[in-house]
Amino acid sequence: MYVHVNAAVSVDGKLSSRRREQVRISGDDDFDRVDRIRAAADAVLIGVGTVLADDPHLTLDEEDRRVQRLRNGRPGNPARVVADSRARTPTDARILDDEATTYLLVSDRADPQRLDALREAGAEVVEASGDDGRVDFDAAFETLEAEGVERTMVEGGGEVIFSLFDAGLVDELTVYVGSLVVGGREAPTLADGEGFVEGFPSLDLTGVERVDDGVLLSYEA
């Protein structure tokens, strides 16, 4: 599976504020770029923290792009994937509507009754447990590939992005750096988690472009 991580951060590397509230970092041109990446993907992946903080929909903004996907024999919207080891996704979350298939990646620590409720709400549950009780992304991606997911766009948050780098599963990274400072030692960053102390993932810079009032950095991993 090809994994493309895309994120927007402040100039000091923050995804949002210490309150974990959505912060508008980029502008309309970058939003359109993100929508184009979504349209090219088979699935869009986020962590449950993003679901709880923002209740995103994760569907395409442009109707023309949905129509083009349908003409190409694909679903109108890419599938939505949530890394949610303990099944904390609310049953009324917007990603559980019928606009696209939604997969929940859970571990064996998820409450069976919660899983039943989420299935009833429309989720496809994928159990992939790592030794630490977190989601095993290698196993989860094998299941998703069997469902036809060949290209995944990752939109955060920092815990998920770190886990994917830690597992060596990232192929491409694009980062929009906005012209604002958020600050805060508890504000989420591009890659949170435990952090690396050695074996730091190395990236190849492939592009630098001014977009809106910020800079888009492109890397191959």
Protein backbone atom coordinates (compact mmCIF):
# COMPACT_ATOMS: atom_id res chain seq x y z
CA MET A 1 0.00 0.00 0.00
CA TYR A 2 1.18 3.50 -0.84
CA VAL A 3 0.90 5.83 2.18
CA HIS A 4 0.86 9.61 1.73
CA VAL A 5 0.92 11.67 4.93
CA ASN A 6 -0.36 15.21 4.52
CA ALA A 7 -0.47 17.82 7.27
CA ALA A 8 -0.68 21.54 7.93
CA VAL A 9 1.41 22.92 10.78
CA SER A 10 2.22 26.31 12.24
CA VAL A 11 5.70 27.72 11.74
CA ASP A 12 6.62 26.17 15.11
CA GLY A 13 5.37 22.72 14.04
CA LYS A 14 2.00 22.57 15.80
CA LEU A 15 -1.05 20.82 14.33
CA SER A 16 -3.44 22.70 16.63
CA SER A 17 -3.52 24.50 19.96
CA ARG A 18 -3.06 22.99 23.41
CA ARG A 19 -6.87 22.82 23.61
CA ARG A 20 -6.80 20.39 20.66
CA GLU A 21 -9.18 22.66 18.82
CA GLN A 22 -9.02 23.02 15.06
CA VAL A 23 -6.86 25.95 13.97
CA ARG A 24 -7.07 27.35 10.44
CA ILE A 25 -3.46 27.17 9.31
CA SER A 26 -3.74 27.22 5.53
CA GLY A 27 -6.02 28.91 3.01
CA ASP A 28 -8.30 28.13 0.09
CA ASP A 29 -5.56 27.12 -2.35
CA ASP A 30 -4.18 24.58 0.10
CA PHE A 31 -7.66 23.27 0.92
CA ASP A 32 -8.13 22.61 -2.80
CA ARG A 33 -4.77 20.81 -2.94
CA VAL A 34 -5.82 18.59 -0.05
CA ASP A 35 -9.12 17.81 -1.77
CA ARG A 36 -7.20 16.74 -4.89
CA ILE A 37 -5.07 14.35 -2.82
CA ARG A 38 -8.22 12.91 -1.24
CA ALA A 39 -9.78 12.42 -4.66
CA ALA A 40 -6.77 10.39 -5.79
CA ALA A 41 -6.79 8.16 -2.69
CA ASP A 42 -8.68 4.95 -2.03
CA ALA A 43 -8.91 5.80 1.68
CA VAL A 44 -8.32 8.66 4.11
CA LEU A 45 -6.90 7.74 7.53
CA ILE A 46 -7.12 9.68 10.80
CA GLY A 47 -6.77 8.88 14.48
CA VAL A 48 -9.67 8.77 16.90
CA GLY A 49 -8.35 11.90 18.61
CA THR A 50 -9.13 13.86 15.45
CA VAL A 51 -12.63 12.37 15.39
CA LEU A 52 -13.26 13.38 19.01
CA ALA A 53 -11.82 16.89 18.58
CA ASP A 54 -13.16 17.88 15.15
CA ASP A 55 -15.89 15.40 14.12
CA PRO A 56 -14.69 15.55 10.49
CA HIS A 57 -16.68 14.30 7.52
CA LEU A 58 -13.70 13.40 5.30
CA THR A 59 -15.62 13.56 2.04
CA LEU A 60 -14.63 15.44 -1.11
CA ASP A 61 -15.47 19.13 -1.28
CA GLU A 62 -15.76 19.33 -5.05
CA GLU A 63 -18.72 17.58 -6.69
CA ASP A 64 -16.82 17.37 -9.99
CA ARG A 65 -14.21 15.18 -8.32
CA ARG A 66 -16.88 12.83 -6.96
CA VAL A 67 -18.43 12.59 -10.41
CA GLN A 68 -15.06 11.83 -12.00
CA ARG A 69 -14.41 9.04 -9.50
CA LEU A 70 -17.80 7.51 -10.30
CA ARG A 71 -17.08 7.71 -14.02
CA ASN A 72 -13.85 5.83 -13.36
CA GLY A 73 -15.75 3.05 -11.61
CA ARG A 74 -14.73 4.11 -8.11
CA PRO A 75 -16.87 5.13 -5.14
CA GLY A 76 -17.76 8.83 -5.13
CA ASN A 77 -15.71 9.37 -1.97
CA PRO A 78 -12.65 7.51 -0.69
CA ALA A 79 -13.18 5.16 2.22
CA ARG A 80 -12.65 6.61 5.70
CA VAL A 81 -10.34 4.84 8.15
CA VAL A 82 -10.04 5.59 11.86
CA ALA A 83 -7.25 4.22 14.07
CA ASP A 84 -9.26 3.64 17.24
CA SER A 85 -7.71 0.91 19.37
CA ARG A 86 -10.32 1.16 22.15
CA ALA A 87 -13.34 1.90 19.94
CA ARG A 88 -13.96 5.42 21.28
CA THR A 89 -15.54 6.74 18.08
CA PRO A 90 -19.02 8.12 18.90
CA THR A 91 -21.84 6.23 17.22
CA ASP A 92 -23.20 9.54 15.90
CA ALA A 93 -19.87 10.70 14.41
CA ARG A 94 -20.18 12.26 10.97
CA ILE A 95 -17.78 9.73 9.47
CA LEU A 96 -20.36 7.00 10.13
CA ASP A 97 -22.90 8.35 7.64
CA ASP A 98 -23.55 6.58 4.34
CA GLU A 99 -21.44 8.92 2.19
CA ALA A 100 -18.55 6.41 2.17
CA THR A 101 -17.39 3.17 3.74
CA THR A 102 -15.81 3.67 7.17
CA TYR A 103 -13.30 1.23 8.65
CA LEU A 104 -12.42 1.30 12.35
CA LEU A 105 -9.01 -0.17 13.18
CA VAL A 106 -9.25 -1.56 16.70
CA SER A 107 -7.24 -3.72 19.07
CA ASP A 108 -8.29 -6.58 21.33
CA ARG A 109 -8.75 -4.03 24.13
CA ALA A 110 -11.88 -2.63 22.51
CA ASP A 111 -15.14 -3.29 24.37
CA PRO A 112 -17.20 -5.90 22.42
CA GLN A 113 -20.42 -4.05 23.17
CA ARG A 114 -18.94 -0.84 21.78
CA LEU A 115 -17.93 -2.71 18.65
CA ASP A 116 -21.46 -4.06 18.21
CA ALA A 117 -22.87 -0.54 18.57
CA LEU A 118 -20.40 0.87 16.05
CA ARG A 119 -21.18 -1.88 13.56
CA GLU A 120 -24.86 -1.06 13.99
CA ALA A 121 -24.01 2.59 13.28
CA GLY A 122 -22.39 1.59 9.99
CA ALA A 123 -18.71 0.95 10.73
CA GLU A 124 -16.66 -1.87 9.28
CA VAL A 125 -14.51 -3.11 12.19
CA VAL A 126 -10.97 -4.34 11.52
CA GLU A 127 -9.21 -5.92 14.50
CA ALA A 128 -5.43 -5.63 14.27
CA SER A 129 -3.73 -5.81 17.66
CA GLY A 130 -0.13 -5.04 18.42
CA ASP A 131 1.72 -6.28 21.48
CA ASP A 132 1.23 -2.93 23.22
CA GLY A 133 -2.56 -2.90 22.82
CA ARG A 134 -2.37 -0.39 19.99
CA VAL A 135 -3.33 -0.91 16.39
CA ASP A 136 -0.90 -3.01 14.35
CA PHE A 137 -0.82 -0.98 11.13
CA ASP A 138 1.00 -3.67 9.15
CA ALA A 139 -1.81 -6.15 9.82
CA ALA A 140 -4.53 -3.53 9.38
CA PHE A 141 -3.15 -2.43 6.02
CA GLU A 142 -3.06 -6.02 4.79
CA THR A 143 -6.78 -6.25 5.51
CA LEU A 144 -7.47 -2.93 3.81
CA GLU A 145 -5.48 -3.97 0.77
CA ALA A 146 -7.65 -7.08 0.49
CA GLU A 147 -10.63 -4.68 0.38
CA GLY A 148 -9.08 -2.84 -2.57
CA VAL A 149 -7.31 0.00 -0.74
CA GLU A 150 -4.05 0.57 -2.60
CA ARG A 151 -3.42 4.25 -1.83
CA THR A 152 -4.07 5.86 1.56
CA MET A 153 -3.93 9.51 2.50
CA VAL A 154 -3.15 10.16 6.17
CA GLU A 155 -4.46 13.38 7.72
CA GLY A 156 -3.28 12.94 11.31
CA GLY A 157 -3.05 13.36 14.10
CA GLY A 158 0.44 13.33 15.50
CA GLU A 159 0.13 9.98 17.30
CA VAL A 160 -0.93 8.18 14.13
CA ILE A 161 1.74 9.87 12.02
CA PHE A 162 4.47 8.90 14.50
CA SER A 163 3.21 5.29 14.59
CA LEU A 164 3.32 5.04 10.80
CA PHE A 165 6.86 6.43 10.64
CA ASP A 166 7.85 4.08 13.46
CA ALA A 167 6.51 1.14 11.47
CA GLY A 168 8.28 2.27 8.31
CA LEU A 169 5.02 2.57 6.38
CA VAL A 170 5.22 6.16 5.07
CA ASP A 171 6.04 6.63 1.38
CA GLU A 172 5.39 10.35 0.93
CA LEU A 173 5.01 13.37 3.21
CA THR A 174 3.65 16.80 2.32
CA VAL A 175 3.62 19.51 4.97
CA TYR A 176 2.04 22.93 4.61
CA VAL A 177 3.80 25.36 6.97
CA GLY A 178 1.58 28.31 7.78
CA SER A 179 2.73 31.76 8.80
CA LEU A 180 1.53 31.74 12.40
CA VAL A 181 2.89 30.69 15.78
CA VAL A 182 0.76 28.50 18.05
CA GLY A 183 3.16 27.56 20.85
CA GLY A 184 2.47 25.44 23.90
CA ARG A 185 4.42 22.46 25.19
CA GLU A 186 1.20 20.41 25.21
CA ALA A 187 0.05 21.38 21.73
CA PRO A 188 0.16 18.45 19.27
CA THR A 189 2.98 18.31 16.76
CA LEU A 190 3.38 16.62 13.40
CA ALA A 191 4.74 13.44 15.03
CA ASP A 192 3.94 12.87 18.69
CA GLY A 193 3.95 9.41 20.29
CA GLU A 194 7.03 8.24 22.14
CA GLY A 195 9.45 9.97 19.78
CA PHE A 196 12.69 8.65 18.35
CA VAL A 197 15.99 8.61 20.22
CA GLU A 198 17.90 6.87 17.42
CA GLY A 199 17.22 5.58 13.95
CA PHE A 200 15.52 8.83 13.00
CA PRO A 201 13.54 8.40 9.76
CA SER A 202 15.33 10.13 6.91
CA LEU A 203 13.41 12.04 4.23
CA ASP A 204 14.35 13.31 0.78
CA LEU A 205 13.14 16.84 0.02
CA THR A 206 11.51 16.81 -3.42
CA GLY A 207 9.77 20.17 -3.57
CA VAL A 208 9.32 23.62 -2.03
CA GLU A 209 6.41 25.79 -3.14
CA ARG A 210 4.72 28.92 -1.87
CA VAL A 211 0.98 28.34 -1.36
CA ASP A 212 -1.39 30.94 0.11
CA ASP A 213 0.65 32.69 2.83
CA GLY A 214 2.79 29.68 3.63
CA VAL A 215 5.16 27.08 2.20
CA LEU A 216 4.42 23.55 1.00
CA LEU A 217 7.25 21.09 1.62
CA SER A 218 7.23 17.75 -0.21
CA TYR A 219 9.27 14.70 0.79
CA GLU A 220 9.80 11.08 -0.17
CA ALA A 221 10.33 8.73 2.73
